Amino acid sequence: MMSDDKRLAALESVKYIKDGMILGLGSGSTVNWMLRALSERIKEGLRIEGIPSSKKTEKLAKELGIPLTDFSKTTKIDLAIDGADEIDGNLNLIKGGGGSLVREKVVDACADELIIIADSSKVVKQLGAFSLPVEVLPFGFEVTVANIEKLGGIPKLRRKENEIFVSDNGNYILDCSFGTIDGAQALHEKLIRLVGVVETGIFSGMADKVIVARNGEIKFLTRN
């Protein structure tokens, strides 16, 4: 089952956590399994501090008794563990299905090492089947929509329970269909230059290690 593979990948990632580390805590269902496993190791005496990348992660970490810190106290993260919505053969990622892409990118980018954990359904030949989340300012988002359309994208304003979805940073999310994405970094650079775009869900060249579980077996992905 997919949930079993998520748990297996999460358990494998916890093996890389060492005593005294500052951890970047990603977001998503696979990361939630990692948090539960991390909590057990903390009960056994492991000493770490975590920086959560979303309000949901922060809430669960507190419930599990995971000690937290923030960037006002340290700007160093030894290891970040995060999930992904899509992973291609060059370890480019699409993230942000949960709406925390900006905070996730801040946390993941400043980590000395980034481990991505996933089940095999997230591994693709090329990015693009999963709509690309783009976080945008609410003010004038209609203009941003028009500019993304000029780049060939089909943006859709994310909604939740018939209300406009608002990110942890108070922004909107546009889920953009570009079809198959051939140049992930190039697309990110075009989008990030648009006025009103805060961040994109393309995480290119950031993952150091990808742990994938499939049918109860672990596989480590490397760049093509």
N, C-alpha and C. Protein backbone atom coordinates (compact mmCIF):
# COMPACT_ATOMS: atom_id res chain seq x y z
N MET A 1 0.83 -1.20 0.00
CA MET A 1 0.00 0.00 0.00
C MET A 1 0.86 1.25 0.00
N MET A 2 0.33 2.33 -0.59
CA MET A 2 1.10 3.56 -0.71
C MET A 2 1.50 4.12 0.65
N SER A 3 0.58 4.06 1.62
CA SER A 3 0.90 4.60 2.95
C SER A 3 2.03 3.83 3.60
N ASP A 4 2.11 2.51 3.33
CA ASP A 4 3.21 1.71 3.87
C ASP A 4 4.54 2.14 3.26
N ASP A 5 4.53 2.43 1.96
CA ASP A 5 5.77 2.88 1.30
C ASP A 5 6.19 4.25 1.80
N LYS A 6 5.23 5.14 2.04
CA LYS A 6 5.55 6.45 2.59
C LYS A 6 6.22 6.29 3.95
N ARG A 7 5.65 5.43 4.76
CA ARG A 7 6.22 5.20 6.10
C ARG A 7 7.62 4.60 6.00
N LEU A 8 7.83 3.68 5.07
CA LEU A 8 9.13 3.04 4.91
C LEU A 8 10.20 4.05 4.50
N ALA A 9 9.86 4.92 3.53
CA ALA A 9 10.81 5.95 3.11
C ALA A 9 11.12 6.90 4.26
N ALA A 10 10.11 7.24 5.03
CA ALA A 10 10.30 8.13 6.18
C ALA A 10 11.21 7.51 7.23
N LEU A 11 11.00 6.23 7.52
CA LEU A 11 11.83 5.54 8.51
C LEU A 11 13.29 5.49 8.07
N GLU A 12 13.51 5.30 6.77
CA GLU A 12 14.88 5.26 6.25
C GLU A 12 15.57 6.61 6.44
N SER A 13 14.83 7.69 6.22
CA SER A 13 15.43 9.02 6.31
C SER A 13 15.89 9.37 7.72
N VAL A 14 15.18 8.85 8.71
CA VAL A 14 15.51 9.17 10.10
C VAL A 14 16.88 8.63 10.48
N LYS A 15 17.35 7.63 9.76
CA LYS A 15 18.67 7.06 10.03
C LYS A 15 19.79 8.08 9.81
N TYR A 16 19.52 9.12 9.04
CA TYR A 16 20.54 10.12 8.73
C TYR A 16 20.57 11.26 9.74
N ILE A 17 19.67 11.25 10.70
CA ILE A 17 19.61 12.31 11.70
C ILE A 17 20.57 12.00 12.82
N LYS A 18 21.46 12.96 13.11
CA LYS A 18 22.47 12.74 14.14
C LYS A 18 22.22 13.67 15.33
N ASP A 19 22.73 13.26 16.46
CA ASP A 19 22.57 14.02 17.70
C ASP A 19 23.13 15.43 17.53
N GLY A 20 22.37 16.42 18.00
CA GLY A 20 22.82 17.80 17.98
C GLY A 20 22.47 18.56 16.71
N MET A 21 21.82 17.90 15.77
CA MET A 21 21.50 18.55 14.50
C MET A 21 20.38 19.59 14.63
N ILE A 22 20.45 20.60 13.76
CA ILE A 22 19.32 21.47 13.48
C ILE A 22 18.66 20.91 12.22
N LEU A 23 17.39 20.54 12.33
CA LEU A 23 16.69 19.87 11.24
C LEU A 23 15.67 20.78 10.57
N GLY A 24 15.64 20.75 9.26
CA GLY A 24 14.56 21.37 8.52
C GLY A 24 13.44 20.35 8.38
N LEU A 25 12.27 20.69 8.86
CA LEU A 25 11.14 19.77 8.85
C LEU A 25 10.21 20.15 7.71
N GLY A 26 10.16 19.32 6.68
CA GLY A 26 9.34 19.59 5.51
C GLY A 26 7.86 19.46 5.79
N SER A 27 7.09 19.31 4.73
CA SER A 27 5.64 19.26 4.87
C SER A 27 5.08 18.13 4.01
N GLY A 28 3.91 17.64 4.40
CA GLY A 28 3.24 16.63 3.61
C GLY A 28 3.06 15.32 4.35
N SER A 29 2.30 14.43 3.73
CA SER A 29 1.92 13.18 4.40
C SER A 29 3.12 12.26 4.67
N THR A 30 4.10 12.24 3.76
CA THR A 30 5.28 11.38 3.99
C THR A 30 6.13 11.95 5.12
N VAL A 31 6.27 13.27 5.15
CA VAL A 31 7.02 13.91 6.23
C VAL A 31 6.34 13.67 7.57
N ASN A 32 5.03 13.59 7.60
CA ASN A 32 4.33 13.33 8.86
C ASN A 32 4.77 11.99 9.46
N TRP A 33 5.00 11.00 8.60
CA TRP A 33 5.53 9.73 9.10
C TRP A 33 6.93 9.91 9.67
N MET A 34 7.74 10.74 9.01
CA MET A 34 9.08 11.01 9.52
C MET A 34 9.03 11.66 10.89
N LEU A 35 8.10 12.59 11.07
CA LEU A 35 7.98 13.28 12.36
C LEU A 35 7.63 12.29 13.47
N ARG A 36 6.77 11.35 13.17
CA ARG A 36 6.39 10.36 14.19
C ARG A 36 7.59 9.49 14.55
N ALA A 37 8.37 9.09 13.54
CA ALA A 37 9.56 8.29 13.82
C ALA A 37 10.61 9.09 14.57
N LEU A 38 10.76 10.35 14.21
CA LEU A 38 11.70 11.23 14.90
C LEU A 38 11.31 11.41 16.37
N SER A 39 10.02 11.52 16.61
CA SER A 39 9.53 11.66 17.99
C SER A 39 9.95 10.48 18.85
N GLU A 40 9.88 9.28 18.27
CA GLU A 40 10.29 8.09 19.02
C GLU A 40 11.77 8.12 19.35
N ARG A 41 12.59 8.57 18.41
CA ARG A 41 14.03 8.66 18.67
C ARG A 41 14.34 9.72 19.72
N ILE A 42 13.58 10.78 19.75
CA ILE A 42 13.77 11.82 20.77
C ILE A 42 13.43 11.26 22.15
N LYS A 43 12.41 10.45 22.23
CA LYS A 43 12.06 9.80 23.50
C LYS A 43 13.17 8.89 23.98
N GLU A 44 13.96 8.35 23.02
CA GLU A 44 15.08 7.47 23.36
C GLU A 44 16.35 8.24 23.69
N GLY A 45 16.31 9.60 23.57
CA GLY A 45 17.46 10.40 23.98
C GLY A 45 18.10 11.25 22.90
N LEU A 46 17.62 11.14 21.65
CA LEU A 46 18.19 11.96 20.58
C LEU A 46 17.91 13.44 20.86
N ARG A 47 18.95 14.27 20.70
CA ARG A 47 18.81 15.71 20.91
C ARG A 47 18.91 16.44 19.58
N ILE A 48 17.83 17.05 19.18
CA ILE A 48 17.80 17.85 17.95
C ILE A 48 16.89 19.05 18.18
N GLU A 49 16.94 19.99 17.24
CA GLU A 49 15.95 21.06 17.18
C GLU A 49 15.49 21.18 15.74
N GLY A 50 14.20 21.40 15.55
CA GLY A 50 13.66 21.46 14.21
C GLY A 50 13.14 22.84 13.84
N ILE A 51 13.23 23.16 12.56
CA ILE A 51 12.62 24.37 12.01
C ILE A 51 11.54 23.91 11.04
N PRO A 52 10.27 24.09 11.38
CA PRO A 52 9.19 23.61 10.52
C PRO A 52 8.97 24.51 9.32
N SER A 53 8.53 23.91 8.21
CA SER A 53 8.34 24.66 6.98
C SER A 53 6.88 25.01 6.72
N SER A 54 6.00 24.67 7.64
CA SER A 54 4.58 25.03 7.49
C SER A 54 3.92 25.03 8.87
N LYS A 55 2.77 25.68 8.93
CA LYS A 55 2.03 25.71 10.19
C LYS A 55 1.53 24.32 10.56
N LYS A 56 1.17 23.51 9.56
CA LYS A 56 0.72 22.15 9.83
C LYS A 56 1.85 21.32 10.43
N THR A 57 3.03 21.44 9.85
CA THR A 57 4.19 20.72 10.39
C THR A 57 4.52 21.19 11.80
N GLU A 58 4.47 22.49 12.02
CA GLU A 58 4.73 23.03 13.36
C GLU A 58 3.75 22.48 14.39
N LYS A 59 2.49 22.42 14.03
CA LYS A 59 1.46 21.92 14.95
C LYS A 59 1.71 20.46 15.30
N LEU A 60 1.97 19.63 14.28
CA LEU A 60 2.19 18.21 14.53
C LEU A 60 3.47 17.99 15.33
N ALA A 61 4.53 18.73 15.00
CA ALA A 61 5.80 18.58 15.74
C ALA A 61 5.62 18.90 17.22
N LYS A 62 4.86 19.94 17.52
CA LYS A 62 4.60 20.29 18.92
C LYS A 62 3.81 19.19 19.62
N GLU A 63 2.82 18.64 18.92
CA GLU A 63 2.02 17.56 19.51
C GLU A 63 2.87 16.33 19.80
N LEU A 64 3.90 16.11 18.99
CA LEU A 64 4.76 14.94 19.13
C LEU A 64 5.94 15.19 20.06
N GLY A 65 6.05 16.40 20.59
CA GLY A 65 7.13 16.70 21.53
C GLY A 65 8.48 16.93 20.88
N ILE A 66 8.50 17.34 19.62
CA ILE A 66 9.75 17.61 18.92
C ILE A 66 10.18 19.05 19.23
N PRO A 67 11.37 19.25 19.79
CA PRO A 67 11.83 20.61 20.12
C PRO A 67 12.01 21.45 18.86
N LEU A 68 11.54 22.68 18.90
CA LEU A 68 11.61 23.54 17.74
C LEU A 68 12.44 24.79 18.01
N THR A 69 12.96 25.35 16.94
CA THR A 69 13.65 26.63 17.00
C THR A 69 13.21 27.42 15.76
N ASP A 70 13.83 28.57 15.52
CA ASP A 70 13.46 29.35 14.34
C ASP A 70 14.67 30.15 13.87
N PHE A 71 14.48 30.87 12.76
CA PHE A 71 15.60 31.57 12.14
C PHE A 71 16.07 32.79 12.93
N SER A 72 15.31 33.20 13.93
CA SER A 72 15.78 34.29 14.78
C SER A 72 16.89 33.81 15.71
N LYS A 73 16.99 32.49 15.88
CA LYS A 73 18.00 31.91 16.77
C LYS A 73 19.15 31.26 16.01
N THR A 74 18.88 30.80 14.79
CA THR A 74 19.94 30.19 13.99
C THR A 74 19.57 30.28 12.51
N THR A 75 20.58 30.46 11.67
CA THR A 75 20.34 30.44 10.23
C THR A 75 21.01 29.21 9.60
N LYS A 76 21.43 28.29 10.45
CA LYS A 76 22.10 27.08 9.96
C LYS A 76 21.17 25.88 10.13
N ILE A 77 20.99 25.13 9.06
CA ILE A 77 20.26 23.87 9.12
C ILE A 77 21.20 22.78 8.62
N ASP A 78 21.41 21.78 9.44
CA ASP A 78 22.33 20.70 9.06
C ASP A 78 21.71 19.78 8.01
N LEU A 79 20.45 19.46 8.21
CA LEU A 79 19.77 18.50 7.33
C LEU A 79 18.30 18.88 7.25
N ALA A 80 17.76 18.88 6.03
CA ALA A 80 16.33 19.05 5.83
C ALA A 80 15.77 17.78 5.20
N ILE A 81 14.60 17.37 5.66
CA ILE A 81 13.92 16.20 5.11
C ILE A 81 12.55 16.66 4.65
N ASP A 82 12.25 16.42 3.37
CA ASP A 82 11.03 16.95 2.79
C ASP A 82 10.44 15.94 1.81
N GLY A 83 9.22 16.19 1.39
CA GLY A 83 8.57 15.36 0.39
C GLY A 83 8.55 16.06 -0.94
N ALA A 84 7.84 15.49 -1.92
CA ALA A 84 7.72 16.09 -3.24
C ALA A 84 6.46 15.59 -3.92
N ASP A 85 5.96 16.37 -4.85
CA ASP A 85 4.80 15.97 -5.65
C ASP A 85 5.23 15.26 -6.92
N GLU A 86 6.37 15.66 -7.48
CA GLU A 86 6.97 14.97 -8.62
C GLU A 86 8.48 15.04 -8.50
N ILE A 87 9.15 13.98 -9.00
CA ILE A 87 10.62 13.90 -9.01
C ILE A 87 11.03 13.35 -10.36
N ASP A 88 11.88 14.09 -11.10
CA ASP A 88 12.31 13.56 -12.40
C ASP A 88 13.69 12.92 -12.29
N GLY A 89 14.21 12.46 -13.42
CA GLY A 89 15.46 11.72 -13.42
C GLY A 89 16.67 12.53 -13.05
N ASN A 90 16.58 13.87 -13.10
CA ASN A 90 17.67 14.74 -12.68
C ASN A 90 17.46 15.29 -11.28
N LEU A 91 16.51 14.71 -10.58
CA LEU A 91 16.15 15.09 -9.20
C LEU A 91 15.59 16.51 -9.13
N ASN A 92 15.06 17.01 -10.25
CA ASN A 92 14.25 18.22 -10.18
C ASN A 92 12.91 17.85 -9.55
N LEU A 93 12.35 18.78 -8.80
CA LEU A 93 11.13 18.50 -8.06
C LEU A 93 10.04 19.50 -8.40
N ILE A 94 8.79 19.04 -8.33
CA ILE A 94 7.66 19.94 -8.18
C ILE A 94 7.12 19.74 -6.78
N LYS A 95 6.98 20.85 -6.06
CA LYS A 95 6.47 20.84 -4.70
C LYS A 95 5.42 21.94 -4.54
N GLY A 96 4.67 21.87 -3.48
CA GLY A 96 3.71 22.93 -3.20
C GLY A 96 2.26 22.50 -3.29
N GLY A 97 2.02 21.19 -3.47
CA GLY A 97 0.65 20.73 -3.51
C GLY A 97 -0.11 21.02 -2.23
N GLY A 98 0.64 21.11 -1.13
CA GLY A 98 0.02 21.45 0.14
C GLY A 98 -0.02 22.94 0.41
N GLY A 99 0.65 23.71 -0.44
CA GLY A 99 0.59 25.16 -0.33
C GLY A 99 1.67 25.81 0.50
N SER A 100 2.73 25.06 0.85
CA SER A 100 3.79 25.62 1.71
C SER A 100 5.09 25.83 0.96
N LEU A 101 5.02 26.01 -0.36
CA LEU A 101 6.24 25.97 -1.16
C LEU A 101 7.27 27.03 -0.80
N VAL A 102 6.83 28.26 -0.44
CA VAL A 102 7.80 29.31 -0.13
C VAL A 102 8.59 28.95 1.12
N ARG A 103 7.89 28.60 2.18
CA ARG A 103 8.59 28.25 3.42
C ARG A 103 9.45 27.00 3.24
N GLU A 104 8.93 26.04 2.48
CA GLU A 104 9.73 24.84 2.22
C GLU A 104 11.01 25.19 1.48
N LYS A 105 10.91 26.09 0.51
CA LYS A 105 12.10 26.44 -0.26
C LYS A 105 13.11 27.20 0.59
N VAL A 106 12.63 28.06 1.48
CA VAL A 106 13.54 28.78 2.39
C VAL A 106 14.29 27.78 3.26
N VAL A 107 13.55 26.83 3.84
CA VAL A 107 14.17 25.83 4.72
C VAL A 107 15.11 24.93 3.94
N ASP A 108 14.65 24.41 2.81
CA ASP A 108 15.46 23.45 2.05
C ASP A 108 16.71 24.09 1.46
N ALA A 109 16.59 25.36 1.04
CA ALA A 109 17.72 26.01 0.38
C ALA A 109 18.87 26.29 1.33
N CYS A 110 18.59 26.50 2.60
CA CYS A 110 19.69 26.83 3.51
C CYS A 110 20.21 25.61 4.27
N ALA A 111 19.71 24.43 3.94
CA ALA A 111 20.19 23.21 4.60
C ALA A 111 21.49 22.73 3.95
N ASP A 112 22.40 22.24 4.77
CA ASP A 112 23.64 21.67 4.24
C ASP A 112 23.36 20.44 3.38
N GLU A 113 22.29 19.71 3.72
CA GLU A 113 21.90 18.53 2.94
C GLU A 113 20.39 18.45 2.91
N LEU A 114 19.85 18.10 1.74
CA LEU A 114 18.40 17.94 1.58
C LEU A 114 18.10 16.52 1.14
N ILE A 115 17.32 15.83 1.96
CA ILE A 115 16.85 14.49 1.64
C ILE A 115 15.36 14.56 1.29
N ILE A 116 15.00 14.02 0.14
CA ILE A 116 13.61 13.95 -0.28
C ILE A 116 13.11 12.52 -0.08
N ILE A 117 11.93 12.39 0.51
CA ILE A 117 11.35 11.07 0.76
C ILE A 117 10.01 10.97 0.03
N ALA A 118 9.75 9.80 -0.58
CA ALA A 118 8.54 9.65 -1.38
C ALA A 118 8.25 8.19 -1.64
N ASP A 119 6.99 7.93 -2.02
CA ASP A 119 6.67 6.63 -2.59
C ASP A 119 6.88 6.70 -4.10
N SER A 120 6.86 5.57 -4.76
CA SER A 120 7.26 5.51 -6.17
C SER A 120 6.30 6.24 -7.11
N SER A 121 5.09 6.54 -6.66
CA SER A 121 4.14 7.25 -7.53
C SER A 121 4.60 8.66 -7.85
N LYS A 122 5.55 9.18 -7.08
CA LYS A 122 6.03 10.56 -7.30
C LYS A 122 7.15 10.63 -8.34
N VAL A 123 7.67 9.51 -8.76
CA VAL A 123 8.80 9.48 -9.69
C VAL A 123 8.28 9.48 -11.12
N VAL A 124 8.74 10.44 -11.93
CA VAL A 124 8.28 10.59 -13.31
C VAL A 124 9.47 10.75 -14.25
N LYS A 125 9.23 10.49 -15.52
CA LYS A 125 10.29 10.70 -16.51
C LYS A 125 10.53 12.19 -16.72
N GLN A 126 9.43 12.97 -16.80
CA GLN A 126 9.53 14.42 -16.94
C GLN A 126 8.45 15.07 -16.08
N LEU A 127 8.80 16.22 -15.54
CA LEU A 127 7.85 16.96 -14.73
C LEU A 127 6.70 17.48 -15.60
N GLY A 128 5.56 17.71 -14.97
CA GLY A 128 4.48 18.39 -15.66
C GLY A 128 3.12 17.75 -15.57
N ALA A 129 3.02 16.48 -15.23
CA ALA A 129 1.70 15.87 -15.06
C ALA A 129 0.98 16.49 -13.87
N PHE A 130 1.75 16.80 -12.83
CA PHE A 130 1.23 17.50 -11.66
C PHE A 130 1.31 19.00 -11.93
N SER A 131 0.20 19.70 -11.76
CA SER A 131 0.20 21.15 -12.00
C SER A 131 1.24 21.84 -11.14
N LEU A 132 1.92 22.82 -11.74
CA LEU A 132 2.97 23.54 -11.05
C LEU A 132 2.38 24.64 -10.16
N PRO A 133 2.55 24.55 -8.84
CA PRO A 133 2.07 25.62 -7.97
C PRO A 133 2.98 26.85 -8.06
N VAL A 134 2.35 28.00 -8.19
CA VAL A 134 3.08 29.27 -8.21
C VAL A 134 2.42 30.17 -7.17
N GLU A 135 3.18 30.60 -6.18
CA GLU A 135 2.63 31.48 -5.14
C GLU A 135 2.73 32.93 -5.61
N VAL A 136 1.62 33.64 -5.50
CA VAL A 136 1.55 35.01 -6.04
C VAL A 136 0.93 35.94 -5.02
N LEU A 137 1.23 37.23 -5.16
CA LEU A 137 0.60 38.24 -4.32
C LEU A 137 -0.89 38.32 -4.65
N PRO A 138 -1.74 38.46 -3.64
CA PRO A 138 -3.18 38.61 -3.92
C PRO A 138 -3.47 39.87 -4.73
N PHE A 139 -2.75 40.97 -4.43
CA PHE A 139 -3.00 42.23 -5.14
C PHE A 139 -2.60 42.09 -6.61
N GLY A 140 -3.55 42.30 -7.48
CA GLY A 140 -3.26 42.25 -8.91
C GLY A 140 -2.97 40.86 -9.43
N PHE A 141 -3.44 39.82 -8.74
CA PHE A 141 -3.12 38.47 -9.19
C PHE A 141 -3.68 38.20 -10.59
N GLU A 142 -4.72 38.94 -10.97
CA GLU A 142 -5.28 38.77 -12.31
C GLU A 142 -4.25 39.13 -13.39
N VAL A 143 -3.42 40.13 -13.09
CA VAL A 143 -2.35 40.51 -14.02
C VAL A 143 -1.32 39.39 -14.10
N THR A 144 -1.00 38.81 -12.95
CA THR A 144 -0.04 37.71 -12.93
C THR A 144 -0.56 36.51 -13.71
N VAL A 145 -1.85 36.24 -13.58
CA VAL A 145 -2.48 35.17 -14.35
C VAL A 145 -2.27 35.41 -15.84
N ALA A 146 -2.54 36.64 -16.29
CA ALA A 146 -2.40 36.97 -17.71
C ALA A 146 -0.96 36.81 -18.18
N ASN A 147 0.00 37.19 -17.34
CA ASN A 147 1.40 37.08 -17.72
C ASN A 147 1.87 35.62 -17.78
N ILE A 148 1.34 34.79 -16.89
CA ILE A 148 1.68 33.36 -16.94
C ILE A 148 1.09 32.73 -18.19
N GLU A 149 -0.08 33.16 -18.57
CA GLU A 149 -0.70 32.66 -19.80
C GLU A 149 0.16 33.00 -21.02
N LYS A 150 0.80 34.16 -21.00
CA LYS A 150 1.67 34.56 -22.11
C LYS A 150 2.89 33.64 -22.22
N LEU A 151 3.26 33.00 -21.10
CA LEU A 151 4.38 32.05 -21.11
C LEU A 151 3.94 30.64 -21.51
N GLY A 152 2.64 30.50 -21.80
CA GLY A 152 2.15 29.19 -22.22
C GLY A 152 1.50 28.37 -21.14
N GLY A 153 1.37 28.94 -19.95
CA GLY A 153 0.75 28.21 -18.85
C GLY A 153 -0.75 28.42 -18.79
N ILE A 154 -1.43 27.49 -18.15
CA ILE A 154 -2.86 27.61 -17.90
C ILE A 154 -3.04 27.65 -16.38
N PRO A 155 -3.12 28.85 -15.79
CA PRO A 155 -3.20 28.96 -14.33
C PRO A 155 -4.63 28.79 -13.84
N LYS A 156 -4.75 28.16 -12.68
CA LYS A 156 -6.04 28.02 -12.02
C LYS A 156 -5.88 28.44 -10.57
N LEU A 157 -6.66 29.40 -10.13
CA LEU A 157 -6.59 29.87 -8.76
C LEU A 157 -7.03 28.76 -7.82
N ARG A 158 -6.17 28.42 -6.87
CA ARG A 158 -6.50 27.33 -5.94
C ARG A 158 -7.59 27.76 -4.96
N ARG A 159 -8.53 26.86 -4.78
CA ARG A 159 -9.60 27.09 -3.82
C ARG A 159 -9.70 25.91 -2.87
N LYS A 160 -10.23 26.18 -1.69
CA LYS A 160 -10.47 25.14 -0.70
C LYS A 160 -11.82 25.41 -0.07
N GLU A 161 -12.71 24.42 -0.21
CA GLU A 161 -14.06 24.55 0.32
C GLU A 161 -14.74 25.82 -0.22
N ASN A 162 -14.58 26.01 -1.54
CA ASN A 162 -15.22 27.11 -2.27
C ASN A 162 -14.68 28.50 -1.89
N GLU A 163 -13.61 28.53 -1.10
CA GLU A 163 -12.96 29.80 -0.76
C GLU A 163 -11.57 29.82 -1.38
N ILE A 164 -11.09 31.02 -1.71
CA ILE A 164 -9.73 31.12 -2.23
C ILE A 164 -8.74 30.62 -1.18
N PHE A 165 -7.87 29.70 -1.59
CA PHE A 165 -6.85 29.17 -0.67
C PHE A 165 -5.81 30.26 -0.39
N VAL A 166 -5.49 30.43 0.88
CA VAL A 166 -4.48 31.42 1.29
C VAL A 166 -3.32 30.67 1.94
N SER A 167 -2.11 30.92 1.46
CA SER A 167 -0.94 30.23 1.97
C SER A 167 -0.58 30.70 3.37
N ASP A 168 0.39 30.02 3.99
CA ASP A 168 0.86 30.42 5.32
C ASP A 168 1.42 31.84 5.32
N ASN A 169 1.80 32.31 4.14
CA ASN A 169 2.36 33.67 4.02
C ASN A 169 1.32 34.69 3.57
N GLY A 170 0.05 34.29 3.53
CA GLY A 170 -1.00 35.21 3.16
C GLY A 170 -1.13 35.46 1.67
N ASN A 171 -0.58 34.56 0.84
CA ASN A 171 -0.61 34.73 -0.61
C ASN A 171 -1.57 33.73 -1.26
N TYR A 172 -1.79 33.90 -2.56
CA TYR A 172 -2.60 32.98 -3.33
C TYR A 172 -1.69 31.96 -4.04
N ILE A 173 -2.28 30.84 -4.42
CA ILE A 173 -1.57 29.82 -5.19
C ILE A 173 -2.26 29.66 -6.53
N LEU A 174 -1.48 29.75 -7.60
CA LEU A 174 -1.97 29.44 -8.94
C LEU A 174 -1.41 28.07 -9.33
N ASP A 175 -2.29 27.11 -9.58
CA ASP A 175 -1.85 25.79 -10.06
C ASP A 175 -1.83 25.85 -11.57
N CYS A 176 -0.61 25.76 -12.14
CA CYS A 176 -0.41 26.07 -13.56
C CYS A 176 -0.05 24.82 -14.36
N SER A 177 -0.79 24.60 -15.42
CA SER A 177 -0.49 23.50 -16.32
C SER A 177 0.37 24.02 -17.47
N PHE A 178 1.56 23.42 -17.63
CA PHE A 178 2.45 23.76 -18.74
C PHE A 178 2.67 22.57 -19.66
N GLY A 179 1.97 21.47 -19.40
CA GLY A 179 2.28 20.25 -20.14
C GLY A 179 3.61 19.71 -19.66
N THR A 180 4.26 18.93 -20.50
CA THR A 180 5.57 18.39 -20.14
C THR A 180 6.59 19.52 -20.00
N ILE A 181 7.30 19.51 -18.87
CA ILE A 181 8.29 20.56 -18.60
C ILE A 181 9.68 20.04 -18.99
N ASP A 182 10.24 20.59 -20.04
CA ASP A 182 11.55 20.14 -20.52
C ASP A 182 12.69 20.81 -19.75
N GLY A 183 12.58 22.10 -19.52
CA GLY A 183 13.63 22.83 -18.82
C GLY A 183 13.10 23.41 -17.52
N ALA A 184 13.23 22.66 -16.46
CA ALA A 184 12.62 23.07 -15.19
C ALA A 184 13.21 24.39 -14.68
N GLN A 185 14.52 24.49 -14.65
CA GLN A 185 15.15 25.70 -14.13
C GLN A 185 14.85 26.91 -15.01
N ALA A 186 14.83 26.72 -16.31
CA ALA A 186 14.53 27.82 -17.22
C ALA A 186 13.11 28.33 -17.01
N LEU A 187 12.16 27.41 -16.81
CA LEU A 187 10.78 27.82 -16.56
C LEU A 187 10.68 28.57 -15.24
N HIS A 188 11.36 28.07 -14.22
CA HIS A 188 11.36 28.76 -12.93
C HIS A 188 11.87 30.19 -13.09
N GLU A 189 12.96 30.37 -13.83
CA GLU A 189 13.55 31.70 -13.99
C GLU A 189 12.61 32.65 -14.73
N LYS A 190 11.89 32.15 -15.72
CA LYS A 190 10.92 32.99 -16.43
C LYS A 190 9.79 33.42 -15.51
N LEU A 191 9.31 32.49 -14.71
CA LEU A 191 8.18 32.78 -13.82
C LEU A 191 8.58 33.72 -12.69
N ILE A 192 9.74 33.49 -12.11
CA ILE A 192 10.14 34.27 -10.93
C ILE A 192 10.40 35.73 -11.30
N ARG A 193 10.65 36.00 -12.59
CA ARG A 193 10.88 37.37 -13.03
C ARG A 193 9.58 38.15 -13.18
N LEU A 194 8.45 37.47 -13.18
CA LEU A 194 7.17 38.16 -13.34
C LEU A 194 6.81 38.92 -12.07
N VAL A 195 6.44 40.17 -12.22
CA VAL A 195 6.00 40.96 -11.07
C VAL A 195 4.75 40.30 -10.48
N GLY A 196 4.74 40.13 -9.18
CA GLY A 196 3.62 39.49 -8.50
C GLY A 196 3.87 38.05 -8.12
N VAL A 197 4.85 37.40 -8.79
CA VAL A 197 5.19 36.02 -8.43
C VAL A 197 6.12 36.04 -7.22
N VAL A 198 5.74 35.33 -6.18
CA VAL A 198 6.56 35.25 -4.96
C VAL A 198 7.56 34.11 -5.08
N GLU A 199 7.09 32.95 -5.52
CA GLU A 199 7.97 31.79 -5.64
C GLU A 199 7.26 30.74 -6.49
N THR A 200 8.04 29.82 -7.06
CA THR A 200 7.47 28.71 -7.83
C THR A 200 7.73 27.40 -7.10
N GLY A 201 6.97 26.38 -7.48
CA GLY A 201 7.13 25.06 -6.89
C GLY A 201 8.17 24.21 -7.57
N ILE A 202 8.99 24.80 -8.45
CA ILE A 202 10.10 24.07 -9.04
C ILE A 202 11.30 24.15 -8.11
N PHE A 203 11.76 22.99 -7.65
CA PHE A 203 12.95 22.88 -6.81
C PHE A 203 14.01 22.18 -7.66
N SER A 204 14.87 22.96 -8.29
CA SER A 204 15.83 22.42 -9.25
C SER A 204 17.24 22.41 -8.66
N GLY A 205 17.90 21.27 -8.75
CA GLY A 205 19.28 21.15 -8.28
C GLY A 205 19.45 21.26 -6.78
N MET A 206 18.40 21.01 -6.02
CA MET A 206 18.47 21.18 -4.57
C MET A 206 18.61 19.87 -3.81
N ALA A 207 18.02 18.81 -4.32
CA ALA A 207 18.00 17.53 -3.59
C ALA A 207 19.37 16.86 -3.64
N ASP A 208 19.87 16.48 -2.49
CA ASP A 208 21.14 15.74 -2.41
C ASP A 208 20.92 14.23 -2.45
N LYS A 209 19.81 13.81 -1.88
CA LYS A 209 19.50 12.38 -1.81
C LYS A 209 17.99 12.21 -1.91
N VAL A 210 17.54 11.25 -2.71
CA VAL A 210 16.11 10.95 -2.81
C VAL A 210 15.90 9.50 -2.41
N ILE A 211 15.06 9.31 -1.40
CA ILE A 211 14.74 7.98 -0.91
C ILE A 211 13.32 7.64 -1.36
N VAL A 212 13.21 6.59 -2.17
CA VAL A 212 11.91 6.19 -2.71
C VAL A 212 11.60 4.76 -2.25
N ALA A 213 10.38 4.55 -1.81
CA ALA A 213 9.94 3.21 -1.41
C ALA A 213 8.91 2.71 -2.41
N ARG A 214 9.05 1.45 -2.80
CA ARG A 214 8.09 0.83 -3.70
C ARG A 214 7.87 -0.62 -3.30
N ASN A 215 6.64 -0.95 -2.99
CA ASN A 215 6.27 -2.31 -2.62
C ASN A 215 7.17 -2.87 -1.52
N GLY A 216 7.46 -2.01 -0.55
CA GLY A 216 8.23 -2.46 0.61
C GLY A 216 9.73 -2.46 0.43
N GLU A 217 10.24 -1.94 -0.70
CA GLU A 217 11.68 -1.90 -0.95
C GLU A 217 12.14 -0.46 -1.09
N ILE A 218 13.36 -0.20 -0.63
CA ILE A 218 13.94 1.15 -0.68
C ILE A 218 14.86 1.28 -1.88
N LYS A 219 14.77 2.41 -2.55
CA LYS A 219 15.66 2.71 -3.66
C LYS A 219 16.17 4.13 -3.50
N PHE A 220 17.44 4.35 -3.79
CA PHE A 220 18.04 5.69 -3.72
C PHE A 220 18.23 6.20 -5.15
N LEU A 221 17.68 7.37 -5.44
CA LEU A 221 17.78 7.93 -6.77
C LEU A 221 18.99 8.87 -6.87
N THR A 222 19.65 8.84 -8.00
CA THR A 222 20.74 9.75 -8.28
C THR A 222 20.46 10.47 -9.60
N ARG A 223 21.13 11.59 -9.84
CA ARG A 223 20.91 12.35 -11.06
C ARG A 223 21.38 11.58 -12.28
N ASN A 224 20.63 11.70 -13.38
CA ASN A 224 21.05 11.08 -14.64
C ASN A 224 22.34 11.69 -15.14
